[in-house]
Amino acid sequence: QVQLVDSGGGLVQTGGSLRVSCAASGSIYRINDMGWYRQAPGKQRELVAVITAGGHINYADSVKGRFTISRDNAKNTVYLQMNSLKPEDTAVYYCKARGQDVARPFYERDYWGQGTQVTVSS
């Protein structure tokens, strides 16, 4: 099994910064894409940013220029640096990794973290 652990959320004022992290562990065979999603109360979960193993990145339009995703492949860890935060960024942020575990190396699936709350006060 592969486990993801999200951390680093918290409460910040408008215009502030936070960094969230997500580490994958367990019986990892390969981790391919890693990304961050968020879900605000009463809304559907949405993509924030994704980074491939090769470093190709996509951002949601709403966070371009403010958020930066990065990863450390050696540590199977992905980071999201969030700057110029706005109240509309308030949500639970979930890490997702797409990859394979040792028991089924030819079966690619998605793994999710438990989520970390980010609250931006106005």
PDB file of N, CA and C in Angstrom:
ATOM      1  N   GLN A   1       0.835  -1.197   0.000  1.00  0.00           N
ATOM      2  CA  GLN A   1       0.000   0.000   0.000  1.00  0.00           C
ATOM      3  C   GLN A   1       0.871   1.249   0.000  1.00  0.00           C
ATOM      4  N   VAL A   2       0.335   2.295  -0.603  1.00  0.00           N
ATOM      5  CA  VAL A   2       1.008   3.594  -0.622  1.00  0.00           C
ATOM      6  C   VAL A   2       0.175   4.558   0.211  1.00  0.00           C
ATOM      7  N   GLN A   3       0.827   5.291   1.080  1.00  0.00           N
ATOM      8  CA  GLN A   3       0.145   6.281   1.906  1.00  0.00           C
ATOM      9  C   GLN A   3       0.680   7.669   1.589  1.00  0.00           C
ATOM     10  N   LEU A   4      -0.246   8.645   1.632  1.00  0.00           N
ATOM     11  CA  LEU A   4       0.129  10.047   1.473  1.00  0.00           C
ATOM     12  C   LEU A   4      -0.230  10.786   2.757  1.00  0.00           C
ATOM     13  N   VAL A   5       0.670  11.613   3.228  1.00  0.00           N
ATOM     14  CA  VAL A   5       0.419  12.408   4.425  1.00  0.00           C
ATOM     15  C   VAL A   5       0.591  13.880   4.072  1.00  0.00           C
ATOM     16  N   ASP A   6      -0.538  14.628   4.178  1.00  0.00           N
ATOM     17  CA  ASP A   6      -0.522  16.072   3.928  1.00  0.00           C
ATOM     18  C   ASP A   6      -0.203  16.798   5.222  1.00  0.00           C
ATOM     19  N   SER A   7       0.484  17.924   5.100  1.00  0.00           N
ATOM     20  CA  SER A   7       0.745  18.735   6.285  1.00  0.00           C
ATOM     21  C   SER A   7       0.989  20.183   5.875  1.00  0.00           C
ATOM     22  N   GLY A   8       0.904  21.092   6.854  1.00  0.00           N
ATOM     23  CA  GLY A   8       1.302  22.469   6.629  1.00  0.00           C
ATOM     24  C   GLY A   8       0.196  23.480   6.498  1.00  0.00           C
ATOM     25  N   GLY A   9      -1.058  23.049   6.564  1.00  0.00           N
ATOM     26  CA  GLY A   9      -2.141  24.017   6.470  1.00  0.00           C
ATOM     27  C   GLY A   9      -2.211  24.893   7.711  1.00  0.00           C
ATOM     28  N   GLY A  10      -3.149  25.828   7.698  1.00  0.00           N
ATOM     29  CA  GLY A  10      -3.308  26.698   8.849  1.00  0.00           C
ATOM     30  C   GLY A  10      -4.151  27.900   8.533  1.00  0.00           C
ATOM     31  N   LEU A  11      -4.093  28.874   9.428  1.00  0.00           N
ATOM     32  CA  LEU A  11      -4.861  30.113   9.301  1.00  0.00           C
ATOM     33  C   LEU A  11      -3.896  31.240   8.970  1.00  0.00           C
ATOM     34  N   VAL A  12      -4.257  32.027   7.961  1.00  0.00           N
ATOM     35  CA  VAL A  12      -3.411  33.140   7.540  1.00  0.00           C
ATOM     36  C   VAL A  12      -4.298  34.284   7.097  1.00  0.00           C
ATOM     37  N   GLN A  13      -3.782  35.491   7.190  1.00  0.00           N
ATOM     38  CA  GLN A  13      -4.538  36.655   6.737  1.00  0.00           C
ATOM     39  C   GLN A  13      -4.409  36.837   5.228  1.00  0.00           C
ATOM     40  N   THR A  14      -5.353  37.574   4.669  1.00  0.00           N
ATOM     41  CA  THR A  14      -5.300  37.899   3.245  1.00  0.00           C
ATOM     42  C   THR A  14      -3.944  38.508   2.893  1.00  0.00           C
ATOM     43  N   GLY A  15      -3.369  37.995   1.804  1.00  0.00           N
ATOM     44  CA  GLY A  15      -2.066  38.455   1.371  1.00  0.00           C
ATOM     45  C   GLY A  15      -0.911  37.675   1.939  1.00  0.00           C
ATOM     46  N   GLY A  16      -1.189  36.790   2.868  1.00  0.00           N
ATOM     47  CA  GLY A  16      -0.144  36.006   3.503  1.00  0.00           C
ATOM     48  C   GLY A  16       0.261  34.800   2.674  1.00  0.00           C
ATOM     49  N   SER A  17       1.146  34.004   3.256  1.00  0.00           N
ATOM     50  CA  SER A  17       1.698  32.834   2.568  1.00  0.00           C
ATOM     51  C   SER A  17       1.632  31.603   3.455  1.00  0.00           C
ATOM     52  N   LEU A  18       1.529  30.459   2.810  1.00  0.00           N
ATOM     53  CA  LEU A  18       1.593  29.164   3.479  1.00  0.00           C
ATOM     54  C   LEU A  18       2.248  28.178   2.522  1.00  0.00           C
ATOM     55  N   ARG A  19       2.867  27.155   3.096  1.00  0.00           N
ATOM     56  CA  ARG A  19       3.370  26.052   2.277  1.00  0.00           C
ATOM     57  C   ARG A  19       2.812  24.757   2.830  1.00  0.00           C
ATOM     58  N   VAL A  20       2.242  23.966   1.943  1.00  0.00           N
ATOM     59  CA  VAL A  20       1.759  22.639   2.314  1.00  0.00           C
ATOM     60  C   VAL A  20       2.653  21.592   1.662  1.00  0.00           C
ATOM     61  N   SER A  21       2.782  20.481   2.357  1.00  0.00           N
ATOM     62  CA  SER A  21       3.649  19.407   1.894  1.00  0.00           C
ATOM     63  C   SER A  21       2.892  18.094   1.885  1.00  0.00           C
ATOM     64  N   CYS A  22       3.360  17.173   1.084  1.00  0.00           N
ATOM     65  CA  CYS A  22       2.749  15.845   1.021  1.00  0.00           C
ATOM     66  C   CYS A  22       3.837  14.827   0.732  1.00  0.00           C
ATOM     67  N   ALA A  23       3.952  13.855   1.622  1.00  0.00           N
ATOM     68  CA  ALA A  23       4.957  12.821   1.460  1.00  0.00           C
ATOM     69  C   ALA A  23       4.294  11.475   1.206  1.00  0.00           C
ATOM     70  N   ALA A  24       4.759  10.786   0.191  1.00  0.00           N
ATOM     71  CA  ALA A  24       4.284   9.434  -0.108  1.00  0.00           C
ATOM     72  C   ALA A  24       5.236   8.426   0.518  1.00  0.00           C
ATOM     73  N   SER A  25       4.656   7.373   1.071  1.00  0.00           N
ATOM     74  CA  SER A  25       5.483   6.323   1.684  1.00  0.00           C
ATOM     75  C   SER A  25       4.791   4.974   1.528  1.00  0.00           C
ATOM     76  N   GLY A  26       5.483   3.927   1.933  1.00  0.00           N
ATOM     77  CA  GLY A  26       4.913   2.593   1.843  1.00  0.00           C
ATOM     78  C   GLY A  26       5.582   1.793   0.742  1.00  0.00           C
ATOM     79  N   SER A  27       4.825   0.887   0.164  1.00  0.00           N
ATOM     80  CA  SER A  27       5.379  -0.034  -0.831  1.00  0.00           C
ATOM     81  C   SER A  27       5.305   0.583  -2.228  1.00  0.00           C
ATOM     82  N   ILE A  28       6.078   1.643  -2.406  1.00  0.00           N
ATOM     83  CA  ILE A  28       6.048   2.389  -3.670  1.00  0.00           C
ATOM     84  C   ILE A  28       6.882   1.683  -4.729  1.00  0.00           C
ATOM     85  N   TYR A  29       6.266   1.480  -5.886  1.00  0.00           N
ATOM     86  CA  TYR A  29       7.025   1.021  -7.051  1.00  0.00           C
ATOM     87  C   TYR A  29       7.429   2.219  -7.900  1.00  0.00           C
ATOM     88  N   ARG A  30       6.474   3.065  -8.182  1.00  0.00           N
ATOM     89  CA  ARG A  30       6.742   4.292  -8.939  1.00  0.00           C
ATOM     90  C   ARG A  30       5.665   5.321  -8.627  1.00  0.00           C
ATOM     91  N   ILE A  31       6.080   6.589  -8.466  1.00  0.00           N
ATOM     92  CA  ILE A  31       5.147   7.701  -8.374  1.00  0.00           C
ATOM     93  C   ILE A  31       5.271   8.522  -9.644  1.00  0.00           C
ATOM     94  N   ASN A  32       4.204   8.725 -10.337  1.00  0.00           N
ATOM     95  CA  ASN A  32       4.199   9.485 -11.593  1.00  0.00           C
ATOM     96  C   ASN A  32       3.753  10.929 -11.292  1.00  0.00           C
ATOM     97  N   ASP A  33       2.546  11.307 -11.678  1.00  0.00           N
ATOM     98  CA  ASP A  33       2.079  12.665 -11.397  1.00  0.00           C
ATOM     99  C   ASP A  33       1.806  12.851  -9.909  1.00  0.00           C
ATOM    100  N   MET A  34       2.081  14.049  -9.430  1.00  0.00           N
ATOM    101  CA  MET A  34       1.670  14.443  -8.073  1.00  0.00           C
ATOM    102  C   MET A  34       0.974  15.795  -8.181  1.00  0.00           C
ATOM    103  N   GLY A  35      -0.021  15.999  -7.353  1.00  0.00           N
ATOM    104  CA  GLY A  35      -0.748  17.253  -7.473  1.00  0.00           C
ATOM    105  C   GLY A  35      -1.521  17.617  -6.232  1.00  0.00           C
ATOM    106  N   TRP A  36      -2.099  18.801  -6.300  1.00  0.00           N
ATOM    107  CA  TRP A  36      -2.912  19.314  -5.212  1.00  0.00           C
ATOM    108  C   TRP A  36      -4.301  19.660  -5.729  1.00  0.00           C
ATOM    109  N   TYR A  37      -5.285  19.284  -4.954  1.00  0.00           N
ATOM    110  CA  TYR A  37      -6.676  19.613  -5.205  1.00  0.00           C
ATOM    111  C   TYR A  37      -7.204  20.316  -3.962  1.00  0.00           C
ATOM    112  N   ARG A  38      -8.324  21.005  -4.124  1.00  0.00           N
ATOM    113  CA  ARG A  38      -8.935  21.634  -2.957  1.00  0.00           C
ATOM    114  C   ARG A  38     -10.448  21.543  -3.050  1.00  0.00           C
ATOM    115  N   GLN A  39     -11.052  21.565  -1.872  1.00  0.00           N
ATOM    116  CA  GLN A  39     -12.512  21.511  -1.804  1.00  0.00           C
ATOM    117  C   GLN A  39     -12.981  22.489  -0.748  1.00  0.00           C
ATOM    118  N   ALA A  40     -13.747  23.475  -1.191  1.00  0.00           N
ATOM    119  CA  ALA A  40     -14.338  24.450  -0.288  1.00  0.00           C
ATOM    120  C   ALA A  40     -15.716  23.960   0.127  1.00  0.00           C
ATOM    121  N   PRO A  41     -16.246  24.433   1.246  1.00  0.00           N
ATOM    122  CA  PRO A  41     -17.567  23.993   1.697  1.00  0.00           C
ATOM    123  C   PRO A  41     -18.634  24.225   0.622  1.00  0.00           C
ATOM    124  N   GLY A  42     -19.393  23.178   0.339  1.00  0.00           N
ATOM    125  CA  GLY A  42     -20.480  23.287  -0.629  1.00  0.00           C
ATOM    126  C   GLY A  42     -20.048  23.274  -2.079  1.00  0.00           C
ATOM    127  N   LYS A  43     -18.750  23.054  -2.320  1.00  0.00           N
ATOM    128  CA  LYS A  43     -18.257  23.046  -3.695  1.00  0.00           C
ATOM    129  C   LYS A  43     -17.599  21.717  -4.023  1.00  0.00           C
ATOM    130  N   GLN A  44     -17.437  21.471  -5.310  1.00  0.00           N
ATOM    131  CA  GLN A  44     -16.764  20.246  -5.739  1.00  0.00           C
ATOM    132  C   GLN A  44     -15.250  20.398  -5.600  1.00  0.00           C
ATOM    133  N   ARG A  45     -14.590  19.266  -5.473  1.00  0.00           N
ATOM    134  CA  ARG A  45     -13.129  19.267  -5.421  1.00  0.00           C
ATOM    135  C   ARG A  45     -12.594  19.723  -6.775  1.00  0.00           C
ATOM    136  N   GLU A  46     -11.586  20.582  -6.749  1.00  0.00           N
ATOM    137  CA  GLU A  46     -11.033  21.105  -7.989  1.00  0.00           C
ATOM    138  C   GLU A  46      -9.519  20.998  -7.995  1.00  0.00           C
ATOM    139  N   LEU A  47      -8.976  20.900  -9.199  1.00  0.00           N
ATOM    140  CA  LEU A  47      -7.533  20.843  -9.363  1.00  0.00           C
ATOM    141  C   LEU A  47      -6.918  22.205  -9.056  1.00  0.00           C
ATOM    142  N   VAL A  48      -5.817  22.187  -8.320  1.00  0.00           N
ATOM    143  CA  VAL A  48      -5.060  23.405  -8.060  1.00  0.00           C
ATOM    144  C   VAL A  48      -3.795  23.430  -8.918  1.00  0.00           C
ATOM    145  N   ALA A  49      -3.021  22.348  -8.832  1.00  0.00           N
ATOM    146  CA  ALA A  49      -1.773  22.275  -9.592  1.00  0.00           C
ATOM    147  C   ALA A  49      -1.338  20.819  -9.666  1.00  0.00           C
ATOM    148  N   VAL A  50      -0.639  20.487 -10.738  1.00  0.00           N
ATOM    149  CA  VAL A  50      -0.117  19.132 -10.909  1.00  0.00           C
ATOM    150  C   VAL A  50       1.273  19.214 -11.509  1.00  0.00           C
ATOM    151  N   ILE A  51       2.129  18.286 -11.106  1.00  0.00           N
ATOM    152  CA  ILE A  51       3.498  18.227 -11.626  1.00  0.00           C
ATOM    153  C   ILE A  51       3.824  16.782 -11.971  1.00  0.00           C
ATOM    154  N   THR A  52       4.355  16.577 -13.168  1.00  0.00           N
ATOM    155  CA  THR A  52       4.718  15.226 -13.575  1.00  0.00           C
ATOM    156  C   THR A  52       6.081  14.846 -12.996  1.00  0.00           C
ATOM    157  N   ALA A  53       6.435  13.588 -13.142  1.00  0.00           N
ATOM    158  CA  ALA A  53       7.741  13.138 -12.665  1.00  0.00           C
ATOM    159  C   ALA A  53       8.866  13.867 -13.387  1.00  0.00           C
ATOM    160  N   GLY A  54       8.609  14.258 -14.609  1.00  0.00           N
ATOM    161  CA  GLY A  54       9.605  14.974 -15.390  1.00  0.00           C
ATOM    162  C   GLY A  54       9.623  16.466 -15.161  1.00  0.00           C
ATOM    163  N   GLY A  55       8.689  16.956 -14.340  1.00  0.00           N
ATOM    164  CA  GLY A  55       8.689  18.369 -13.982  1.00  0.00           C
ATOM    165  C   GLY A  55       7.739  19.252 -14.766  1.00  0.00           C
ATOM    166  N   HIS A  56       6.910  18.661 -15.637  1.00  0.00           N
ATOM    167  CA  HIS A  56       5.927  19.475 -16.355  1.00  0.00           C
ATOM    168  C   HIS A  56       4.811  19.867 -15.392  1.00  0.00           C
ATOM    169  N   ILE A  57       4.401  21.136 -15.438  1.00  0.00           N
ATOM    170  CA  ILE A  57       3.474  21.695 -14.455  1.00  0.00           C
ATOM    171  C   ILE A  57       2.254  22.314 -15.122  1.00  0.00           C
ATOM    172  N   ASN A  58       1.108  22.121 -14.479  1.00  0.00           N
ATOM    173  CA  ASN A  58      -0.113  22.826 -14.864  1.00  0.00           C
ATOM    174  C   ASN A  58      -0.741  23.427 -13.610  1.00  0.00           C
ATOM    175  N   TYR A  59      -1.267  24.633 -13.765  1.00  0.00           N
ATOM    176  CA  TYR A  59      -1.953  25.319 -12.673  1.00  0.00           C
ATOM    177  C   TYR A  59      -3.377  25.661 -13.078  1.00  0.00           C
ATOM    178  N   ALA A  60      -4.269  25.702 -12.096  1.00  0.00           N
ATOM    179  CA  ALA A  60      -5.577  26.283 -12.310  1.00  0.00           C
ATOM    180  C   ALA A  60      -5.396  27.776 -12.560  1.00  0.00           C
ATOM    181  N   ASP A  61      -6.249  28.337 -13.417  1.00  0.00           N
ATOM    182  CA  ASP A  61      -6.127  29.760 -13.740  1.00  0.00           C
ATOM    183  C   ASP A  61      -6.202  30.630 -12.488  1.00  0.00           C
ATOM    184  N   SER A  62      -6.994  30.200 -11.527  1.00  0.00           N
ATOM    185  CA  SER A  62      -7.228  31.015 -10.336  1.00  0.00           C
ATOM    186  C   SER A  62      -5.993  31.164  -9.438  1.00  0.00           C
ATOM    187  N   VAL A  63      -4.987  30.305  -9.635  1.00  0.00           N
ATOM    188  CA  VAL A  63      -3.809  30.364  -8.763  1.00  0.00           C
ATOM    189  C   VAL A  63      -2.526  30.713  -9.509  1.00  0.00           C
ATOM    190  N   LYS A  64      -2.609  30.841 -10.819  1.00  0.00           N
ATOM    191  CA  LYS A  64      -1.414  31.156 -11.602  1.00  0.00           C
ATOM    192  C   LYS A  64      -0.792  32.471 -11.136  1.00  0.00           C
ATOM    193  N   GLY A  65       0.515  32.438 -10.976  1.00  0.00           N
ATOM    194  CA  GLY A  65       1.227  33.627 -10.529  1.00  0.00           C
ATOM    195  C   GLY A  65       1.278  33.786  -9.022  1.00  0.00           C
ATOM    196  N   ARG A  66       0.506  33.000  -8.307  1.00  0.00           N
ATOM    197  CA  ARG A  66       0.481  33.097  -6.833  1.00  0.00           C
ATOM    198  C   ARG A  66       0.991  31.817  -6.173  1.00  0.00           C
ATOM    199  N   PHE A  67       0.679  30.670  -6.755  1.00  0.00           N
ATOM    200  CA  PHE A  67       1.057  29.378  -6.184  1.00  0.00           C
ATOM    201  C   PHE A  67       2.174  28.757  -7.002  1.00  0.00           C
ATOM    202  N   THR A  68       3.036  28.008  -6.318  1.00  0.00           N
ATOM    203  CA  THR A  68       4.123  27.288  -6.977  1.00  0.00           C
ATOM    204  C   THR A  68       4.168  25.862  -6.465  1.00  0.00           C
ATOM    205  N   ILE A  69       4.080  24.914  -7.395  1.00  0.00           N
ATOM    206  CA  ILE A  69       4.185  23.513  -7.031  1.00  0.00           C
ATOM    207  C   ILE A  69       5.598  23.026  -7.339  1.00  0.00           C
ATOM    208  N   SER A  70       6.108  22.162  -6.489  1.00  0.00           N
ATOM    209  CA  SER A  70       7.426  21.575  -6.720  1.00  0.00           C
ATOM    210  C   SER A  70       7.437  20.182  -6.108  1.00  0.00           C
ATOM    211  N   ARG A  71       8.456  19.409  -6.461  1.00  0.00           N
ATOM    212  CA  ARG A  71       8.536  18.062  -5.906  1.00  0.00           C
ATOM    213  C   ARG A  71       9.983  17.649  -5.732  1.00  0.00           C
ATOM    214  N   ASP A  72      10.173  16.738  -4.797  1.00  0.00           N
ATOM    215  CA  ASP A  72      11.468  16.105  -4.568  1.00  0.00           C
ATOM    216  C   ASP A  72      11.276  14.632  -4.866  1.00  0.00           C
ATOM    217  N   ASN A  73      11.722  14.197  -6.023  1.00  0.00           N
ATOM    218  CA  ASN A  73      11.480  12.817  -6.431  1.00  0.00           C
ATOM    219  C   ASN A  73      12.177  11.815  -5.509  1.00  0.00           C
ATOM    220  N   ALA A  74      13.334  12.187  -4.998  1.00  0.00           N
ATOM    221  CA  ALA A  74      14.067  11.271  -4.118  1.00  0.00           C
ATOM    222  C   ALA A  74      13.302  11.010  -2.824  1.00  0.00           C
ATOM    223  N   LYS A  75      12.507  11.996  -2.407  1.00  0.00           N
ATOM    224  CA  LYS A  75      11.731  11.868  -1.170  1.00  0.00           C
ATOM    225  C   LYS A  75      10.257  11.573  -1.438  1.00  0.00           C
ATOM    226  N   ASN A  76       9.880  11.465  -2.707  1.00  0.00           N
ATOM    227  CA  ASN A  76       8.460  11.258  -3.061  1.00  0.00           C
ATOM    228  C   ASN A  76       7.571  12.278  -2.354  1.00  0.00           C
ATOM    229  N   THR A  77       7.993  13.511  -2.408  1.00  0.00           N
ATOM    230  CA  THR A  77       7.302  14.589  -1.708  1.00  0.00           C
ATOM    231  C   THR A  77       6.972  15.709  -2.686  1.00  0.00           C
ATOM    232  N   VAL A  78       5.774  16.261  -2.514  1.00  0.00           N
ATOM    233  CA  VAL A  78       5.346  17.391  -3.330  1.00  0.00           C
ATOM    234  C   VAL A  78       5.001  18.548  -2.401  1.00  0.00           C
ATOM    235  N   TYR A  79       5.284  19.744  -2.859  1.00  0.00           N
ATOM    236  CA  TYR A  79       5.060  20.946  -2.075  1.00  0.00           C
ATOM    237  C   TYR A  79       4.170  21.914  -2.858  1.00  0.00           C
ATOM    238  N   LEU A  80       3.445  22.727  -2.134  1.00  0.00           N
ATOM    239  CA  LEU A  80       2.682  23.811  -2.749  1.00  0.00           C
ATOM    240  C   LEU A  80       2.948  25.077  -1.939  1.00  0.00           C
ATOM    241  N   GLN A  81       3.668  25.999  -2.552  1.00  0.00           N
ATOM    242  CA  GLN A  81       3.908  27.291  -1.938  1.00  0.00           C
ATOM    243  C   GLN A  81       2.797  28.234  -2.376  1.00  0.00           C
ATOM    244  N   MET A  82       2.080  28.778  -1.411  1.00  0.00           N
ATOM    245  CA  MET A  82       0.931  29.631  -1.708  1.00  0.00           C
ATOM    246  C   MET A  82       1.213  31.041  -1.203  1.00  0.00           C
ATOM    247  N   ASN A  83       1.271  31.973  -2.128  1.00  0.00           N
ATOM    248  CA  ASN A  83       1.513  33.377  -1.795  1.00  0.00           C
ATOM    249  C   ASN A  83       0.298  34.219  -2.180  1.00  0.00           C
ATOM    250  N   SER A  84       0.253  35.426  -1.645  1.00  0.00           N
ATOM    251  CA  SER A  84      -0.847  36.358  -1.951  1.00  0.00           C
ATOM    252  C   SER A  84      -2.195  35.687  -1.773  1.00  0.00           C
ATOM    253  N   LEU A  85      -2.354  35.004  -0.665  1.00  0.00           N
ATOM    254  CA  LEU A  85      -3.578  34.233  -0.430  1.00  0.00           C
ATOM    255  C   LEU A  85      -4.796  35.138  -0.305  1.00  0.00           C
ATOM    256  N   LYS A  86      -5.915  34.611  -0.787  1.00  0.00           N
ATOM    257  CA  LYS A  86      -7.190  35.316  -0.775  1.00  0.00           C
ATOM    258  C   LYS A  86      -8.201  34.494   0.006  1.00  0.00           C
ATOM    259  N   PRO A  87      -9.248  35.138   0.520  1.00  0.00           N
ATOM    260  CA  PRO A  87     -10.285  34.372   1.235  1.00  0.00           C
ATOM    261  C   PRO A  87     -10.880  33.245   0.384  1.00  0.00           C
ATOM    262  N   GLU A  88     -10.957  33.439  -0.917  1.00  0.00           N
ATOM    263  CA  GLU A  88     -11.519  32.393  -1.785  1.00  0.00           C
ATOM    264  C   GLU A  88     -10.590  31.190  -1.932  1.00  0.00           C
ATOM    265  N   ASP A  89      -9.381  31.273  -1.418  1.00  0.00           N
ATOM    266  CA  ASP A  89      -8.485  30.115  -1.387  1.00  0.00           C
ATOM    267  C   ASP A  89      -8.779  29.194  -0.196  1.00  0.00           C
ATOM    268  N   THR A  90      -9.664  29.627   0.684  1.00  0.00           N
ATOM    269  CA  THR A  90     -10.008  28.815   1.844  1.00  0.00           C
ATOM    270  C   THR A  90     -10.644  27.500   1.408  1.00  0.00           C
ATOM    271  N   ALA A  91     -10.070  26.402   1.869  1.00  0.00           N
ATOM    272  CA  ALA A  91     -10.536  25.071   1.467  1.00  0.00           C
ATOM    273  C   ALA A  91      -9.718  24.020   2.207  1.00  0.00           C
ATOM    274  N   VAL A  92     -10.151  22.792   2.076  1.00  0.00           N
ATOM    275  CA  VAL A  92      -9.307  21.658   2.467  1.00  0.00           C
ATOM    276  C   VAL A  92      -8.481  21.288   1.238  1.00  0.00           C
ATOM    277  N   TYR A  93      -7.180  21.232   1.415  1.00  0.00           N
ATOM    278  CA  TYR A  93      -6.267  20.919   0.321  1.00  0.00           C
ATOM    279  C   TYR A  93      -5.852  19.453   0.423  1.00  0.00           C
ATOM    280  N   TYR A  94      -6.028  18.750  -0.684  1.00  0.00           N
ATOM    281  CA  TYR A  94      -5.718  17.326  -0.753  1.00  0.00           C
ATOM    282  C   TYR A  94      -4.584  17.077  -1.745  1.00  0.00           C
ATOM    283  N   CYS A  95      -3.665  16.246  -1.318  1.00  0.00           N
ATOM    284  CA  CYS A  95      -2.606  15.799  -2.202  1.00  0.00           C
ATOM    285  C   CYS A  95      -3.070  14.545  -2.941  1.00  0.00           C
ATOM    286  N   LYS A  96      -2.702  14.438  -4.199  1.00  0.00           N
ATOM    287  CA  LYS A  96      -2.972  13.222  -4.956  1.00  0.00           C
ATOM    288  C   LYS A  96      -1.705  12.793  -5.671  1.00  0.00           C
ATOM    289  N   ALA A  97      -1.452  11.499  -5.648  1.00  0.00           N
ATOM    290  CA  ALA A  97      -0.329  10.934  -6.390  1.00  0.00           C
ATOM    291  C   ALA A  97      -0.849   9.808  -7.270  1.00  0.00           C
ATOM    292  N   ARG A  98      -0.362   9.755  -8.483  1.00  0.00           N
ATOM    293  CA  ARG A  98      -0.709   8.665  -9.387  1.00  0.00           C
ATOM    294  C   ARG A  98       0.529   7.782  -9.525  1.00  0.00           C
ATOM    295  N   GLY A  99       0.353   6.495  -9.259  1.00  0.00           N
ATOM    296  CA  GLY A  99       1.515   5.629  -9.326  1.00  0.00           C
ATOM    297  C   GLY A  99       1.167   4.175  -9.132  1.00  0.00           C
ATOM    298  N   GLN A 100       2.194   3.381  -8.884  1.00  0.00           N
ATOM    299  CA  GLN A 100       2.027   1.954  -8.724  1.00  0.00           C
ATOM    300  C   GLN A 100       2.698   1.488  -7.433  1.00  0.00           C
ATOM    301  N   ASP A 101       2.138   0.445  -6.807  1.00  0.00           N
ATOM    302  CA  ASP A 101       2.798  -0.114  -5.639  1.00  0.00           C
ATOM    303  C   ASP A 101       3.520  -1.400  -6.023  1.00  0.00           C
ATOM    304  N   VAL A 102       4.358  -1.863  -5.114  1.00  0.00           N
ATOM    305  CA  VAL A 102       5.222  -3.015  -5.386  1.00  0.00           C
ATOM    306  C   VAL A 102       4.405  -4.265  -5.690  1.00  0.00           C
ATOM    307  N   ALA A 103       3.276  -4.427  -5.021  1.00  0.00           N
ATOM    308  CA  ALA A 103       2.475  -5.641  -5.202  1.00  0.00           C
ATOM    309  C   ALA A 103       1.861  -5.725  -6.594  1.00  0.00           C
ATOM    310  N   ARG A 104       1.560  -4.553  -7.202  1.00  0.00           N
ATOM    311  CA  ARG A 104       0.943  -4.528  -8.539  1.00  0.00           C
ATOM    312  C   ARG A 104       1.635  -3.469  -9.384  1.00  0.00           C
ATOM    313  N   PRO A 105       2.839  -3.738  -9.821  1.00  0.00           N
ATOM    314  CA  PRO A 105       3.637  -2.711 -10.502  1.00  0.00           C
ATOM    315  C   PRO A 105       3.114  -2.294 -11.863  1.00  0.00           C
ATOM    316  N   PHE A 106       2.161  -3.062 -12.441  1.00  0.00           N
ATOM    317  CA  PHE A 106       1.639  -2.678 -13.758  1.00  0.00           C
ATOM    318  C   PHE A 106       0.253  -2.064 -13.665  1.00  0.00           C
ATOM    319  N   TYR A 107      -0.194  -1.826 -12.435  1.00  0.00           N
ATOM    320  CA  TYR A 107      -1.518  -1.248 -12.212  1.00  0.00           C
ATOM    321  C   TYR A 107      -1.354   0.156 -11.644  1.00  0.00           C
ATOM    322  N   GLU A 108      -1.675   1.159 -12.447  1.00  0.00           N
ATOM    323  CA  GLU A 108      -1.560   2.539 -12.009  1.00  0.00           C
ATOM    324  C   GLU A 108      -2.869   2.993 -11.374  1.00  0.00           C
ATOM    325  N   ARG A 109      -2.772   3.619 -10.235  1.00  0.00           N
ATOM    326  CA  ARG A 109      -3.966   4.119  -9.565  1.00  0.00           C
ATOM    327  C   ARG A 109      -3.653   5.431  -8.866  1.00  0.00           C
ATOM    328  N   ASP A 110      -4.714   6.084  -8.380  1.00  0.00           N
ATOM    329  CA  ASP A 110      -4.576   7.340  -7.649  1.00  0.00           C
ATOM    330  C   ASP A 110      -4.592   7.082  -6.151  1.00  0.00           C
ATOM    331  N   TYR A 111      -3.728   7.798  -5.453  1.00  0.00           N
ATOM    332  CA  TYR A 111      -3.683   7.764  -3.990  1.00  0.00           C
ATOM    333  C   TYR A 111      -3.948   9.184  -3.485  1.00  0.00           C
ATOM    334  N   TRP A 112      -4.679   9.289  -2.366  1.00  0.00           N
ATOM    335  CA  TRP A 112      -5.045  10.596  -1.818  1.00  0.00           C
ATOM    336  C   TRP A 112      -4.538  10.749  -0.396  1.00  0.00           C
ATOM    337  N   GLY A 113      -4.141  11.988  -0.078  1.00  0.00           N
ATOM    338  CA  GLY A 113      -3.844  12.326   1.301  1.00  0.00           C
ATOM    339  C   GLY A 113      -5.128  12.592   2.068  1.00  0.00           C
ATOM    340  N   GLN A 114      -4.978  12.820   3.378  1.00  0.00           N
ATOM    341  CA  GLN A 114      -6.145  12.997   4.232  1.00  0.00           C
ATOM    342  C   GLN A 114      -6.688  14.415   4.195  1.00  0.00           C
ATOM    343  N   GLY A 115      -5.922  15.325   3.630  1.00  0.00           N
ATOM    344  CA  GLY A 115      -6.353  16.710   3.516  1.00  0.00           C
ATOM    345  C   GLY A 115      -5.816  17.571   4.645  1.00  0.00           C
ATOM    346  N   THR A 116      -5.586  18.831   4.318  1.00  0.00           N
ATOM    347  CA  THR A 116      -5.134  19.798   5.323  1.00  0.00           C
ATOM    348  C   THR A 116      -5.898  21.108   5.094  1.00  0.00           C
ATOM    349  N   GLN A 117      -6.401  21.681   6.184  1.00  0.00           N
ATOM    350  CA  GLN A 117      -7.249  22.866   6.094  1.00  0.00           C
ATOM    351  C   GLN A 117      -6.400  24.123   5.911  1.00  0.00           C
ATOM    352  N   VAL A 118      -6.778  24.912   4.924  1.00  0.00           N
ATOM    353  CA  VAL A 118      -6.186  26.237   4.721  1.00  0.00           C
ATOM    354  C   VAL A 118      -7.316  27.257   4.853  1.00  0.00           C
ATOM    355  N   THR A 119      -7.148  28.191   5.774  1.00  0.00           N
ATOM    356  CA  THR A 119      -8.151  29.218   6.001  1.00  0.00           C
ATOM    357  C   THR A 119      -7.504  30.593   5.854  1.00  0.00           C
ATOM    358  N   VAL A 120      -8.096  31.409   4.983  1.00  0.00           N
ATOM    359  CA  VAL A 120      -7.581  32.759   4.749  1.00  0.00           C
ATOM    360  C   VAL A 120      -8.616  33.752   5.261  1.00  0.00           C
ATOM    361  N   SER A 121      -8.239  34.520   6.241  1.00  0.00           N
ATOM    362  CA  SER A 121      -9.175  35.483   6.827  1.00  0.00           C
ATOM    363  C   SER A 121      -9.071  36.823   6.109  1.00  0.00           C
ATOM    364  N   SER A 122     -10.226  37.491   6.025  1.00  0.00           N
ATOM    365  CA  SER A 122     -10.257  38.781   5.323  1.00  0.00           C
ATOM    366  C   SER A 122      -9.988  39.947   6.269  1.00  0.00           C
TER     367      SER A 122
END
